Protein backbone atom coordinates (compact mmCIF):
# COMPACT_ATOMS: atom_id res chain seq x y z
CA MET A 1 -171.78 -85.51 -31.71
CA ASN A 2 -169.50 -83.07 -33.68
CA ASP A 3 -171.03 -79.68 -33.69
CA GLU A 4 -169.99 -79.24 -37.66
CA PHE A 5 -172.45 -82.25 -38.68
CA ILE A 6 -175.93 -83.17 -38.02
CA SER A 7 -176.82 -86.40 -39.90
CA ALA A 8 -176.76 -89.97 -38.59
CA PHE A 9 -173.14 -90.00 -39.68
CA SER A 10 -172.11 -87.32 -37.85
CA GLY A 11 -169.79 -88.64 -35.03
CA ARG A 12 -168.18 -91.15 -37.37
CA ILE A 13 -167.37 -88.13 -39.68
CA GLY A 14 -165.77 -86.18 -37.16
CA ALA A 15 -163.85 -89.45 -35.85
CA PHE A 16 -162.95 -90.07 -39.52
CA LEU A 17 -161.58 -86.35 -39.96
CA ASP A 18 -159.75 -86.70 -36.57
CA CYS A 19 -158.27 -89.81 -37.67
CA ARG A 20 -156.72 -88.52 -40.75
CA THR A 21 -155.35 -85.37 -38.97
CA ALA A 22 -153.65 -87.84 -36.52
CA ARG A 23 -151.90 -89.30 -39.68
CA GLY A 24 -150.57 -86.17 -40.85
CA PHE A 25 -153.34 -85.06 -43.30
CA LYS A 26 -154.82 -81.61 -43.20
CA ARG A 27 -158.50 -81.68 -41.92
CA GLU A 28 -159.43 -78.83 -44.73
CA THR A 29 -158.92 -81.04 -47.64
CA TYR A 30 -162.09 -82.72 -47.32
CA ILE A 31 -163.81 -80.79 -44.62
CA TRP A 32 -166.32 -78.99 -46.90
CA HIS A 33 -167.08 -81.94 -48.98
CA PHE A 34 -168.06 -84.23 -45.65
CA ILE A 35 -170.02 -81.04 -44.42
CA ARG A 36 -172.23 -81.06 -47.81
CA PHE A 37 -172.34 -84.73 -47.60
CA ASP A 38 -173.59 -84.54 -44.04
CA ARG A 39 -176.47 -81.70 -44.94
CA TRP A 40 -177.25 -83.87 -48.21
CA CYS A 41 -177.58 -87.12 -45.90
CA ALA A 42 -179.67 -85.22 -43.15
CA GLU A 43 -182.25 -84.01 -46.20
CA LYS A 44 -182.36 -86.91 -48.30
CA GLN A 45 -181.40 -89.90 -46.36
CA PRO A 46 -182.50 -88.65 -42.64
CA GLY A 47 -182.06 -91.38 -40.07
CA GLN A 48 -180.02 -93.52 -42.42
CA ASP A 49 -177.05 -94.70 -40.58
CA LEU A 50 -175.60 -97.43 -43.01
CA LEU A 51 -173.29 -96.09 -45.92
CA SER A 52 -174.89 -97.89 -48.59
CA ARG A 53 -174.14 -97.71 -52.48
CA GLU A 54 -177.43 -95.87 -52.76
CA ILE A 55 -176.52 -92.93 -50.43
CA VAL A 56 -173.00 -92.86 -52.17
CA HIS A 57 -173.84 -92.98 -55.42
CA GLY A 58 -176.90 -90.50 -54.50
CA TRP A 59 -174.60 -87.67 -53.15
CA ILE A 60 -171.85 -88.07 -56.04
CA ASP A 61 -174.47 -87.94 -58.96
CA ASP A 62 -176.64 -85.16 -57.07
CA ASP A 63 -177.96 -83.13 -60.05
CA LYS A 64 -176.76 -79.58 -57.76
CA ALA A 65 -173.10 -81.24 -57.67
CA PRO A 66 -170.67 -78.96 -59.57
CA CYS A 67 -168.78 -80.90 -62.38
CA HIS A 68 -165.47 -79.81 -60.93
CA GLU A 69 -166.17 -81.37 -57.45
CA LEU A 70 -167.26 -84.74 -58.23
CA SER A 71 -163.90 -86.07 -58.45
CA HIS A 72 -163.18 -84.85 -55.03
CA ARG A 73 -166.55 -86.16 -53.44
CA ALA A 74 -165.72 -89.74 -54.84
CA ALA A 75 -162.52 -89.37 -53.46
CA ALA A 76 -163.81 -88.23 -49.79
CA VAL A 77 -166.63 -90.83 -49.73
CA ARG A 78 -164.50 -93.69 -50.74
CA LEU A 79 -161.83 -92.97 -47.88
CA PHE A 80 -164.76 -92.52 -45.52
CA GLY A 81 -166.21 -96.08 -46.60
CA ARG A 82 -162.69 -97.62 -46.19
CA TYR A 83 -162.68 -96.41 -42.64
CA LEU A 84 -166.15 -97.29 -41.68
CA CYS A 85 -165.15 -100.71 -42.91
CA SER A 86 -162.12 -100.83 -40.79
CA LEU A 87 -164.35 -100.46 -37.86
CA GLY A 88 -166.28 -103.67 -38.65
CA GLU A 89 -169.20 -101.71 -40.42
CA ASP A 90 -170.57 -103.25 -43.82
CA ALA A 91 -170.08 -99.94 -45.38
CA TYR A 92 -169.96 -99.66 -49.04
CA VAL A 93 -166.55 -98.57 -50.83
CA LEU A 94 -166.63 -96.73 -54.19
CA PRO A 95 -164.44 -98.49 -56.45
CA ASP A 96 -161.24 -97.24 -57.16
CA LYS A 97 -161.56 -97.01 -61.01
CA TYR A 98 -165.15 -95.33 -60.63
CA THR A 99 -165.11 -92.02 -62.50
CA PRO A 100 -167.97 -89.98 -61.97
CA ILE A 101 -169.91 -89.40 -65.55
CA LYS A 102 -170.65 -85.88 -65.27
CA SER A 103 -167.04 -84.89 -64.66
CA HIS A 104 -165.69 -83.54 -68.13
CA ALA A 105 -162.99 -81.16 -66.39
CA ALA A 106 -160.04 -83.54 -67.82
CA VAL A 107 -156.42 -83.50 -67.02
CA PHE A 108 -154.95 -81.65 -69.72
CA VAL A 109 -151.61 -80.98 -71.09
CA PHE A 110 -151.16 -77.70 -72.99
CA THR A 111 -149.82 -77.09 -76.13
CA ASP A 112 -147.57 -73.72 -76.45
CA ALA A 113 -150.18 -72.15 -78.17
CA GLU A 114 -152.91 -73.07 -76.03
CA LEU A 115 -151.01 -72.09 -72.80
CA SER A 116 -150.36 -68.72 -74.20
CA ALA A 117 -153.85 -67.86 -75.55
CA LEU A 118 -155.28 -69.12 -72.09
CA PHE A 119 -152.69 -66.20 -70.15
CA GLU A 120 -153.77 -64.04 -72.71
CA SER A 121 -157.46 -64.64 -71.97
CA ILE A 122 -156.76 -64.62 -68.04
CA ASP A 123 -155.40 -61.31 -68.49
CA PHE A 124 -158.53 -59.81 -69.97
CA LEU A 125 -160.81 -61.32 -67.43
CA VAL A 126 -163.16 -58.55 -65.89
CA PRO A 127 -163.76 -57.69 -62.49
CA ALA A 128 -166.34 -59.73 -60.61
CA LYS A 129 -169.28 -58.20 -58.70
CA LYS A 130 -168.47 -60.63 -55.61
CA GLU A 131 -164.56 -60.48 -55.82
CA PRO A 132 -164.05 -56.77 -57.67
CA PHE A 133 -160.05 -57.57 -57.92
CA LEU A 134 -160.55 -61.21 -58.98
CA ASN A 135 -158.80 -60.22 -62.41
CA GLU A 136 -155.69 -58.45 -60.96
CA ILE A 137 -155.27 -61.57 -58.57
CA VAL A 138 -155.85 -64.63 -60.88
CA SER A 139 -153.33 -63.27 -63.45
CA VAL A 140 -150.77 -63.47 -60.63
CA LEU A 141 -151.84 -66.75 -59.18
CA PHE A 142 -152.39 -68.76 -61.97
CA ARG A 143 -148.87 -67.86 -63.25
CA LEU A 144 -147.37 -68.67 -59.83
CA ILE A 145 -149.24 -72.12 -59.75
CA TYR A 146 -147.58 -72.79 -63.07
CA THR A 147 -144.12 -71.28 -63.04
CA CYS A 148 -143.76 -73.18 -59.69
CA GLY A 149 -145.85 -76.37 -59.81
CA LEU A 150 -147.98 -75.59 -56.64
CA ARG A 151 -151.20 -77.30 -55.97
CA PRO A 152 -154.19 -74.91 -56.03
CA ASN A 153 -154.72 -74.76 -52.55
CA GLU A 154 -151.25 -74.18 -52.35
CA GLY A 155 -151.38 -71.08 -54.02
CA ARG A 156 -155.00 -70.09 -52.87
CA GLU A 157 -153.76 -70.23 -49.28
CA LEU A 158 -150.49 -68.75 -49.52
CA LEU A 159 -149.83 -66.39 -46.76
CA ALA A 160 -148.22 -62.96 -47.95
CA GLU A 161 -145.31 -63.04 -44.86
CA ASN A 162 -144.22 -66.44 -46.78
CA VAL A 163 -143.70 -64.64 -50.03
CA PHE A 164 -140.01 -63.37 -50.00
CA LEU A 165 -140.09 -60.81 -52.73
CA ASP A 166 -136.63 -59.59 -52.28
CA THR A 167 -135.03 -63.18 -52.94
CA GLY A 168 -137.89 -64.74 -55.02
CA ALA A 169 -138.41 -67.53 -52.32
CA VAL A 170 -141.81 -68.96 -51.69
CA LEU A 171 -142.47 -70.96 -48.45
CA ILE A 172 -145.34 -73.27 -48.92
CA THR A 173 -146.99 -74.13 -45.72
CA HIS A 174 -150.67 -75.40 -46.66
CA THR A 175 -149.55 -78.69 -47.84
CA LYS A 176 -151.17 -81.90 -48.74
CA ARG A 177 -149.31 -83.38 -45.85
CA ASN A 178 -148.37 -80.83 -43.50
CA LYS A 179 -144.55 -80.69 -44.62
CA GLU A 180 -143.19 -77.22 -45.76
CA ARG A 181 -141.16 -76.58 -48.45
CA PHE A 182 -139.38 -73.94 -50.36
CA VAL A 183 -139.81 -72.96 -54.00
CA ALA A 184 -138.28 -70.41 -56.00
CA MET A 185 -139.76 -67.79 -58.57
CA SER A 186 -138.11 -66.98 -61.87
CA ASP A 187 -137.04 -63.71 -62.29
CA ASP A 188 -139.67 -62.56 -64.21
CA MET A 189 -142.50 -64.20 -61.81
CA ALA A 190 -140.73 -62.28 -58.90
CA ALA A 191 -141.13 -59.35 -60.65
CA LEU A 192 -144.54 -59.60 -61.57
CA ALA A 193 -145.35 -61.01 -57.69
CA ARG A 194 -143.44 -57.48 -56.64
CA ARG A 195 -145.64 -55.47 -58.89
CA TYR A 196 -148.56 -57.23 -57.79
CA ASP A 197 -147.66 -56.74 -54.24
CA GLN A 198 -148.16 -53.13 -54.28
CA ARG A 199 -151.87 -53.29 -55.38
CA ARG A 200 -152.54 -56.10 -52.86
CA ARG A 201 -151.56 -53.73 -50.22
CA ILE A 202 -154.33 -51.38 -51.31
CA PHE A 203 -157.04 -53.49 -52.04
CA GLY A 204 -156.11 -56.42 -49.68
CA GLY A 205 -157.48 -54.60 -46.63
CA GLY A 206 -155.17 -56.17 -44.00
CA SER A 207 -155.57 -59.64 -44.98
CA PRO A 208 -153.15 -61.96 -44.28
CA TYR A 209 -153.41 -63.99 -47.64
CA PHE A 210 -151.26 -63.15 -50.52
CA PHE A 211 -154.15 -63.80 -52.94
CA PRO A 212 -157.27 -62.31 -50.65
CA SER A 213 -160.71 -62.73 -51.29
CA ALA A 214 -163.10 -59.52 -50.92
CA GLY A 215 -163.99 -61.25 -47.52
CA GLY A 216 -160.34 -61.35 -46.09
CA GLY A 217 -159.74 -65.25 -46.48
CA PRO A 218 -158.24 -67.36 -49.27
CA LEU A 219 -160.18 -67.44 -52.25
CA SER A 220 -162.22 -70.33 -52.78
CA ALA A 221 -161.44 -73.37 -54.95
CA GLU A 222 -164.80 -72.93 -56.95
CA THR A 223 -163.92 -69.08 -57.59
CA ILE A 224 -160.73 -69.84 -59.15
CA HIS A 225 -162.10 -73.13 -61.14
CA SER A 226 -164.71 -70.62 -62.28
CA ALA A 227 -162.39 -67.96 -63.26
CA LEU A 228 -159.96 -70.29 -65.24
CA ASN A 229 -162.59 -71.82 -67.03
CA MET A 230 -164.07 -68.44 -68.00
CA ALA A 231 -160.73 -67.47 -69.67
CA TRP A 232 -160.49 -70.92 -71.28
CA SER A 233 -163.82 -70.40 -72.82
CA HIS A 234 -162.81 -67.09 -74.37
CA ALA A 235 -159.32 -68.47 -75.53
CA ASP A 236 -158.37 -67.69 -79.16
CA ILE A 237 -157.71 -71.60 -79.71
CA ASP A 238 -158.17 -73.60 -82.94
CA GLY A 239 -158.94 -77.30 -83.04
CA LYS A 240 -160.35 -79.74 -80.72
CA HIS A 241 -159.89 -79.18 -76.75
CA PRO A 242 -161.79 -80.03 -73.82
CA GLY A 243 -164.78 -78.00 -72.96
CA LYS A 244 -163.54 -77.49 -69.19
CA ILE A 245 -159.96 -77.61 -67.59
CA ARG A 246 -158.83 -78.12 -63.75
CA VAL A 247 -156.43 -75.34 -62.18
CA TYR A 248 -154.34 -78.54 -61.43
CA SER A 249 -153.54 -79.07 -64.94
CA LEU A 250 -151.35 -75.96 -64.78
CA ARG A 251 -149.47 -77.82 -62.21
CA HIS A 252 -149.09 -80.90 -64.62
CA GLN A 253 -147.86 -78.53 -67.12
CA PHE A 254 -144.77 -77.45 -64.99
CA ALA A 255 -144.23 -80.99 -64.54
CA SER A 256 -144.65 -81.89 -68.36
CA ALA A 257 -142.27 -78.81 -69.04
CA CYS A 258 -139.48 -80.08 -66.52
CA LEU A 259 -139.33 -83.38 -68.05
CA ASN A 260 -139.27 -82.32 -71.37
CA ARG A 261 -136.63 -79.81 -70.75
CA TRP A 262 -133.87 -82.32 -69.03
CA PRO A 263 -133.44 -84.26 -71.71
CA ASP A 264 -133.08 -81.74 -74.01
CA ASN A 265 -130.17 -80.47 -71.85
CA GLY A 266 -128.57 -83.78 -71.61
CA GLU A 267 -129.91 -84.18 -67.84
CA ASN A 268 -130.22 -87.74 -66.83
CA LEU A 269 -134.43 -87.80 -66.41
CA MET A 270 -134.50 -90.65 -63.71
CA ALA A 271 -131.59 -88.83 -61.81
CA MET A 272 -133.42 -85.81 -61.75
CA LEU A 273 -136.92 -86.99 -60.65
CA PRO A 274 -135.96 -86.92 -56.90
CA PHE A 275 -135.32 -83.28 -57.22
CA LEU A 276 -138.73 -82.67 -58.90
CA ARG A 277 -140.35 -84.95 -56.13
CA GLU A 278 -138.92 -82.41 -53.35
CA TYR A 279 -139.77 -79.54 -55.27
CA MET A 280 -143.43 -80.36 -56.08
CA GLY A 281 -143.99 -81.68 -52.48
CA HIS A 282 -144.69 -85.44 -53.37
CA LYS A 283 -144.15 -88.06 -50.55
CA ASN A 284 -143.43 -90.95 -53.06
CA LEU A 285 -141.07 -90.77 -56.22
CA SER A 286 -143.82 -93.10 -58.09
CA GLU A 287 -145.96 -90.08 -57.67
CA THR A 288 -143.78 -87.95 -59.55
CA ALA A 289 -142.87 -90.74 -62.04
CA CYS A 290 -146.58 -90.87 -62.85
CA TYR A 291 -145.98 -87.89 -65.15
CA ILE A 292 -143.54 -89.35 -67.51
CA HIS A 293 -146.72 -90.93 -68.92
CA ILE A 294 -147.97 -87.53 -70.11
CA LEU A 295 -144.57 -87.07 -72.21
CA PRO A 296 -144.67 -86.82 -76.07
CA GLU A 297 -144.22 -90.37 -77.53
CA ASN A 298 -141.03 -89.69 -79.17
CA LEU A 299 -139.65 -88.73 -75.39
CA ILE A 300 -141.14 -91.97 -73.79
CA LYS A 301 -139.21 -94.22 -76.45
CA SER A 302 -135.99 -92.24 -75.94
CA PRO A 303 -132.80 -93.86 -74.03
CA ALA A 304 -133.62 -90.52 -71.54
CA ILE A 305 -136.02 -93.13 -69.58
CA ASP A 306 -134.97 -96.06 -67.93
CA TRP A 307 -138.06 -98.31 -68.04
CA ASP A 308 -137.14 -101.36 -66.09
CA LYS A 309 -136.07 -98.70 -63.23
CA PHE A 310 -139.40 -97.04 -63.71
CA ASN A 311 -141.36 -100.30 -63.84
CA ALA A 312 -139.41 -101.81 -60.72
CA MET A 313 -140.38 -98.57 -58.77
CA PHE A 314 -144.17 -99.10 -59.51
CA GLN A 315 -143.97 -102.88 -58.58
CA GLU A 316 -142.49 -101.88 -54.95
CA VAL A 317 -145.40 -99.73 -54.53
CA GLU A 318 -147.78 -102.27 -55.66
CA LYS A 319 -146.56 -105.27 -53.33
């Protein structure tokens, strides 16, 4: 039995995570979700060793589950169900199109005014009791995620030794598939990072992380999600907008900005996609091309996009 887990699924959860790690995926991606799932099963469904529809939906729709965590719960338990089926078990597999009802944190592309108002609000966040330097940290963290197109965990878990303040280069090591890559900060971002680093050396307490928590480890996903939505709720924005947003939306915003800028500069959009793929750390070009769907209608209809090539790209993936 895996010491991390205590439910009737304990051994199979551990084997599933080991299998994903052997295939090149990070164990940390889903570990905390499975620890929570395991504890929930031990409490709510003791002795039940079949992954049933009741267990899957009961855990995802549990009243105590934070809204921002629901899509991750769904993805984790879906993969686990597929793994169990591959072993010959009659496990329930959550449908691909399932969307948790309570999840209101939409993928959102900001207008320029909304983005400016959001960052202004971020800069006016107050220190938190558990994280007294959170306001200083997230002001830089969220800008780095946005300007460099990072995944939220890549920013949270960034090591100080991998931020080269003299050149503006950042080595990303905690990636989705453990594939390292370099990204480059803009001059303004690098200057901000250098000023922040002087403060970090004072309050960081020797933590190896560039954005340390009060305990010395990386900030949690829940902490930065809450901070972003606290700022969003106080942002001076007119009109209709989502009640909650995701930190991941800052990464989407980076991709959207690149795809909008290149045609304006006379660049061939389809020729530039491979560069964006490498920069953002995507495995397949189709992952990068998905961002084309969030572009404005006038750009989608422009000759900058070769839709025959674009559609063929997805046909190859679906085969």
